C-alpha atoms as a PDB file:
ATOM      1  CA  MET A   1       0.000   0.000   0.000  1.00  0.00           C
ATOM      2  CA  ALA A   2       2.830   2.376   0.769  1.00  0.00           C
ATOM      3  CA  PRO A   3       4.199   2.308  -2.805  1.00  0.00           C
ATOM      4  CA  CYS A   4       0.733   3.224  -4.095  1.00  0.00           C
ATOM      5  CA  ARG A   5       0.610   6.208  -1.779  1.00  0.00           C
ATOM      6  CA  ARG A   6       4.092   7.270  -2.785  1.00  0.00           C
ATOM      7  CA  ALA A   7       3.239   6.996  -6.470  1.00  0.00           C
ATOM      8  CA  TYR A   8       0.112   9.059  -5.858  1.00  0.00           C
ATOM      9  CA  ALA A   9       2.166  11.757  -4.174  1.00  0.00           C
ATOM     10  CA  LEU A  10       4.171  12.158  -7.374  1.00  0.00           C
ATOM     11  CA  TYR A  11       0.983  13.137  -9.210  1.00  0.00           C
ATOM     12  CA  TYR A  12      -0.164  15.798  -6.766  1.00  0.00           C
ATOM     13  CA  PRO A  13      -1.123  18.878  -8.830  1.00  0.00           C
ATOM     14  CA  TYR A  14       1.696  21.148  -7.661  1.00  0.00           C
ATOM     15  CA  TYR A  15       1.172  23.390 -10.690  1.00  0.00           C
ATOM     16  CA  ALA A  16      -2.058  24.579  -9.034  1.00  0.00           C
ATOM     17  CA  GLY A  17      -0.185  25.566  -5.879  1.00  0.00           C
ATOM     18  CA  PHE A  18       0.233  23.654  -2.659  1.00  0.00           C
ATOM     19  CA  SER A  19      -2.504  23.636  -0.073  1.00  0.00           C
ATOM     20  CA  ALA A  20      -2.008  21.655   3.126  1.00  0.00           C
ATOM     21  CA  ALA A  21      -5.772  21.184   3.506  1.00  0.00           C
ATOM     22  CA  ALA A  22      -6.125  19.821  -0.044  1.00  0.00           C
ATOM     23  CA  PHE A  23      -3.132  17.545   0.437  1.00  0.00           C
ATOM     24  CA  LEU A  24      -4.566  16.216   3.713  1.00  0.00           C
ATOM     25  CA  ALA A  25      -7.979  15.691   2.096  1.00  0.00           C
ATOM     26  CA  ASN A  26      -6.406  13.796  -0.823  1.00  0.00           C
ATOM     27  CA  TRP A  27      -4.347  11.677   1.562  1.00  0.00           C
ATOM     28  CA  LEU A  28      -7.412  10.826   3.668  1.00  0.00           C
ATOM     29  CA  LYS A  29      -9.399   9.911   0.553  1.00  0.00           C
ATOM     30  CA  LEU A  30      -6.568   7.641  -0.582  1.00  0.00           C
ATOM     31  CA  VAL A  31      -6.396   5.920   2.807  1.00  0.00           C
ATOM     32  CA  CYS A  32     -10.145   5.316   2.696  1.00  0.00           C
ATOM     33  CA  PHE A  33      -9.835   3.776  -0.767  1.00  0.00           C
ATOM     34  CA  ASN A  34      -6.833   1.594   0.124  1.00  0.00           C
ATOM     35  CA  PHE A  35      -7.936   0.353   3.549  1.00  0.00           C
ATOM     36  CA  PRO A  36     -10.616  -2.167   2.479  1.00  0.00           C
ATOM     37  CA  PHE A  37      -8.351  -3.754  -0.129  1.00  0.00           C
ATOM     38  CA  ALA A  38      -5.361  -3.882   2.210  1.00  0.00           C
ATOM     39  CA  PHE A  39      -7.388  -5.237   5.139  1.00  0.00           C
ATOM     40  CA  PHE A  40      -9.093  -8.058   3.269  1.00  0.00           C
ATOM     41  CA  THR A  41      -5.982  -8.964   1.288  1.00  0.00           C
ATOM     42  CA  GLN A  42      -4.045  -9.274   4.548  1.00  0.00           C
ATOM     43  CA  LEU A  43      -6.811 -11.207   6.257  1.00  0.00           C
ATOM     44  CA  PHE A  44      -7.617 -13.748   3.538  1.00  0.00           C
ATOM     45  CA  PHE A  45      -4.480 -14.114   1.380  1.00  0.00           C
ATOM     46  CA  ILE A  46      -1.261 -12.862   2.947  1.00  0.00           C
ATOM     47  CA  GLN A  47      -1.750 -14.101   6.513  1.00  0.00           C
ATOM     48  CA  PRO A  48      -2.676 -17.702   5.535  1.00  0.00           C
ATOM     49  CA  ALA A  49       0.226 -17.806   3.076  1.00  0.00           C
ATOM     50  CA  VAL A  50       2.709 -16.645   5.716  1.00  0.00           C
ATOM     51  CA  ARG A  51       1.353 -19.202   8.213  1.00  0.00           C
ATOM     52  CA  LEU A  52       1.748 -21.978   5.647  1.00  0.00           C
ATOM     53  CA  ILE A  53       5.296 -20.922   4.792  1.00  0.00           C
ATOM     54  CA  PHE A  54       6.320 -20.805   8.453  1.00  0.00           C
ATOM     55  CA  LYS A  55       4.705 -24.181   9.129  1.00  0.00           C
ATOM     56  CA  LEU A  56       6.686 -25.659   6.253  1.00  0.00           C
ATOM     57  CA  LEU A  57       9.945 -24.005   7.296  1.00  0.00           C
ATOM     58  CA  PHE A  58       9.692 -24.938  10.974  1.00  0.00           C
ATOM     59  CA  ARG A  59       8.001 -28.326  10.596  1.00  0.00           C
ATOM     60  CA  ARG A  60      10.684 -30.180  12.560  1.00  0.00           C
ATOM     61  CA  ASP A  61      10.642 -27.678  15.412  1.00  0.00           C
ATOM     62  CA  ILE A  62       6.859 -27.890  15.681  1.00  0.00           C
ATOM     63  CA  LYS A  63       6.948 -31.693  15.787  1.00  0.00           C
ATOM     64  CA  ALA A  64       9.666 -31.616  18.467  1.00  0.00           C
ATOM     65  CA  ARG A  65       7.645 -29.231  20.647  1.00  0.00           C
ATOM     66  CA  VAL A  66       4.512 -31.351  20.285  1.00  0.00           C
ATOM     67  CA  ALA A  67       6.505 -34.479  21.214  1.00  0.00           C
ATOM     68  CA  LEU A  68       7.858 -32.762  24.330  1.00  0.00           C
ATOM     69  CA  GLY A  69       4.440 -31.480  25.288  1.00  0.00           C
ATOM     70  CA  GLU A  70       5.332 -27.794  25.168  1.00  0.00           C
ATOM     71  CA  SER A  71       2.418 -25.452  24.538  1.00  0.00           C
ATOM     72  CA  GLY A  72       4.332 -22.264  23.782  1.00  0.00           C
END
């Protein structure tokens, strides 16, 4: 999401003059547009993928902890 915001900042209409209120309003609008996509992408795609990758990477450690009866 951050690269999208940075790319948007490059296209701010500086030729019309800089207004802090307009910049803040544009930034808030952009956050409102990006939040739903970022939230649901994180919740349904990225988080399960990261869990799967870590389970695959640390499979032996997980099995050893289960065998020892550790819960943490």
